[in-house]
Amino acid sequence: MKSIRVTKYNPQNRGEKGRYTLVDEWTSISDVGKKYHGQIFTMEQYLVAEEKYIQAVEVLMQKTSVNQLKLLDLENHSHKTALNLSEGKTIPITLVRELVKMILREEVWGRLVAKNQFEIHFGYDYYMYFIGKSLTEDIIEELRKIDGLYVEDV
């Protein structure tokens, strides 16, 4: 099984032990309005990054011909019911974009699973992981084409 980390964090800014400590960056939607590098981090900047993460999920689904994902280990922090989420629910590709937004915005959390192909996990501080046997080099190369995202083996 292959495991990769897909993030906005440039690996050149990692310290000796691999921790991202060399640059102070935003890590959450709650950082909108705070100062980084002398400038206010805006919602527009956040949305640009969020879109890249969603694009990465869509690339993975398209390249593996997956048209639905199962939501596992659901945690609902906002108690929103816009998608009528429940543990084990199958999410069609048409709703995956909205679900990933909700996860990245810390409204809900869960693992997204394409049986026998891959899983998508989301970590703290805006980390995203793809794990599975279907993570081929051509998929990884396609993910690397998304400007502003970094793909690393983990």
Protein backbone atom coordinates (compact mmCIF):
# COMPACT_ATOMS: atom_id res chain seq x y z
CA MET A 1 0.00 0.00 0.00
CA LYS A 2 1.23 3.45 -0.92
CA SER A 3 0.75 6.41 1.41
CA ILE A 4 1.22 10.05 0.42
CA ARG A 5 0.73 13.38 2.11
CA VAL A 6 -0.86 16.10 -0.04
CA THR A 7 -0.52 19.57 1.48
CA LYS A 8 0.10 23.26 0.91
CA TYR A 9 3.32 22.98 2.94
CA ASN A 10 6.60 23.16 1.03
CA PRO A 11 8.76 20.24 2.25
CA GLN A 12 11.83 22.49 2.05
CA ASN A 13 10.51 24.23 5.17
CA ARG A 14 10.67 21.09 7.32
CA GLY A 15 13.22 20.80 10.11
CA GLU A 16 15.61 17.92 10.71
CA LYS A 17 12.91 15.65 12.12
CA GLY A 18 10.46 16.39 9.32
CA ARG A 19 8.29 18.81 11.31
CA TYR A 20 7.07 21.90 9.54
CA THR A 21 8.56 24.50 11.85
CA LEU A 22 10.68 26.78 9.70
CA VAL A 23 7.86 29.03 8.47
CA ASP A 24 4.83 30.36 10.35
CA GLU A 25 1.78 29.60 8.19
CA TRP A 26 -1.96 29.44 8.63
CA THR A 27 -3.29 25.99 9.48
CA SER A 28 -7.07 26.40 9.60
CA ILE A 29 -10.01 28.42 8.34
CA SER A 30 -10.08 29.95 11.83
CA ASP A 31 -6.83 31.74 10.92
CA VAL A 32 -8.62 33.99 8.41
CA GLY A 33 -8.14 37.56 9.61
CA LYS A 34 -4.83 36.85 11.38
CA LYS A 35 -1.45 38.20 10.28
CA TYR A 36 1.14 36.01 8.56
CA HIS A 37 4.34 37.44 7.12
CA GLY A 38 3.09 40.93 7.89
CA GLN A 39 -0.16 40.57 5.93
CA ILE A 40 -3.73 39.71 6.90
CA PHE A 41 -4.71 36.21 5.75
CA THR A 42 -7.95 36.64 3.79
CA MET A 43 -10.92 34.41 3.02
CA GLU A 44 -10.04 34.73 -0.67
CA GLN A 45 -6.58 33.26 0.03
CA TYR A 46 -8.14 30.48 2.08
CA LEU A 47 -10.57 29.59 -0.72
CA VAL A 48 -7.73 29.32 -3.25
CA ALA A 49 -5.96 26.75 -1.05
CA GLU A 50 -9.18 24.89 -0.29
CA GLU A 51 -9.94 24.57 -4.00
CA LYS A 52 -6.55 22.94 -4.61
CA TYR A 53 -7.25 20.27 -1.98
CA ILE A 54 -10.65 19.57 -3.52
CA GLN A 55 -9.03 19.40 -6.95
CA ALA A 56 -6.58 16.77 -5.62
CA VAL A 57 -9.46 14.61 -4.36
CA GLU A 58 -11.23 14.97 -7.71
CA VAL A 59 -8.06 14.00 -9.61
CA LEU A 60 -7.72 10.86 -7.48
CA MET A 61 -11.35 9.92 -8.05
CA GLN A 62 -11.23 10.59 -11.79
CA LYS A 63 -7.97 8.73 -12.35
CA THR A 64 -9.26 5.67 -10.48
CA SER A 65 -12.77 5.83 -12.02
CA VAL A 66 -14.33 6.06 -8.57
CA ASN A 67 -17.73 7.76 -8.51
CA GLN A 68 -18.62 7.46 -4.83
CA LEU A 69 -16.91 7.33 -1.45
CA LYS A 70 -18.01 5.87 1.86
CA LEU A 71 -17.85 8.16 4.90
CA LEU A 72 -16.40 6.41 7.95
CA ASP A 73 -15.58 7.54 11.50
CA LEU A 74 -17.87 10.54 11.15
CA GLU A 75 -17.51 13.35 13.69
CA ASN A 76 -20.00 16.17 13.26
CA HIS A 77 -18.66 19.31 14.93
CA SER A 78 -21.15 21.75 13.48
CA HIS A 79 -24.26 19.57 13.58
CA LYS A 80 -25.12 20.81 10.10
CA THR A 81 -27.26 18.43 8.17
CA ALA A 82 -26.91 19.93 4.70
CA LEU A 83 -25.68 16.63 3.28
CA ASN A 84 -27.67 14.47 5.71
CA LEU A 85 -24.42 12.85 6.83
CA SER A 86 -24.32 9.62 8.76
CA GLU A 87 -21.73 6.98 9.59
CA GLY A 88 -21.14 4.67 6.63
CA LYS A 89 -23.09 6.84 4.21
CA THR A 90 -22.15 6.54 0.55
CA ILE A 91 -21.33 9.96 -0.89
CA PRO A 92 -21.75 10.31 -4.68
CA ILE A 93 -19.10 12.22 -6.61
CA THR A 94 -21.56 15.10 -7.04
CA LEU A 95 -21.46 15.74 -3.26
CA VAL A 96 -17.81 14.93 -2.53
CA ARG A 97 -16.74 18.53 -3.23
CA GLU A 98 -19.13 19.86 -0.57
CA LEU A 99 -18.12 17.19 1.95
CA VAL A 100 -14.41 17.90 1.51
CA LYS A 101 -15.13 21.61 2.08
CA MET A 102 -16.94 20.76 5.30
CA ILE A 103 -14.02 18.62 6.46
CA LEU A 104 -11.40 21.24 5.60
CA ARG A 105 -13.49 23.88 7.36
CA GLU A 106 -13.58 21.67 10.47
CA GLU A 107 -17.37 21.37 10.45
CA VAL A 108 -17.19 17.57 10.22
CA TRP A 109 -14.44 14.96 10.12
CA GLY A 110 -14.28 11.54 8.63
CA ARG A 111 -12.35 9.17 6.44
CA LEU A 112 -13.41 8.84 2.81
CA VAL A 113 -13.03 5.31 1.46
CA ALA A 114 -13.18 3.79 -2.00
CA LYS A 115 -13.35 0.08 -1.23
CA ASN A 116 -10.28 -1.88 -2.35
CA GLN A 117 -8.76 1.24 -3.94
CA PHE A 118 -7.89 4.08 -1.57
CA GLU A 119 -8.72 6.05 1.56
CA ILE A 120 -8.51 9.79 2.17
CA HIS A 121 -7.66 10.94 5.68
CA PHE A 122 -7.53 14.48 6.98
CA GLY A 123 -5.19 15.50 9.79
CA TYR A 124 -4.78 18.52 11.98
CA ASP A 125 -3.25 21.69 10.58
CA TYR A 126 -4.59 21.22 7.05
CA TYR A 127 -2.93 17.91 6.26
CA MET A 128 -4.47 15.43 3.82
CA TYR A 129 -3.37 11.84 3.21
CA PHE A 130 -4.11 9.42 0.37
CA ILE A 131 -3.53 5.74 1.16
CA GLY A 132 -4.11 2.80 -1.13
CA LYS A 133 -2.97 0.37 -3.74
CA SER A 134 -4.33 2.47 -6.61
CA LEU A 135 -1.91 5.37 -6.04
CA THR A 136 0.09 4.88 -9.21
CA GLU A 137 2.97 7.07 -10.37
CA ASP A 138 0.80 8.66 -13.08
CA ILE A 139 -1.75 9.72 -10.43
CA ILE A 140 1.01 11.10 -8.22
CA GLU A 141 2.46 13.02 -11.17
CA GLU A 142 -0.98 14.46 -11.95
CA LEU A 143 -1.34 15.58 -8.32
CA ARG A 144 2.10 17.24 -8.49
CA LYS A 145 0.81 19.40 -11.36
CA ILE A 146 -1.57 21.21 -9.00
CA ASP A 147 0.28 24.47 -8.40
CA GLY A 148 0.75 25.19 -4.71
CA LEU A 149 0.28 21.60 -3.48
CA TYR A 150 3.09 19.27 -2.49
CA VAL A 151 3.00 15.49 -2.65
CA GLU A 152 5.27 13.55 -0.29
CA ASP A 153 5.70 9.88 0.52
CA VAL A 154 4.96 9.09 4.16
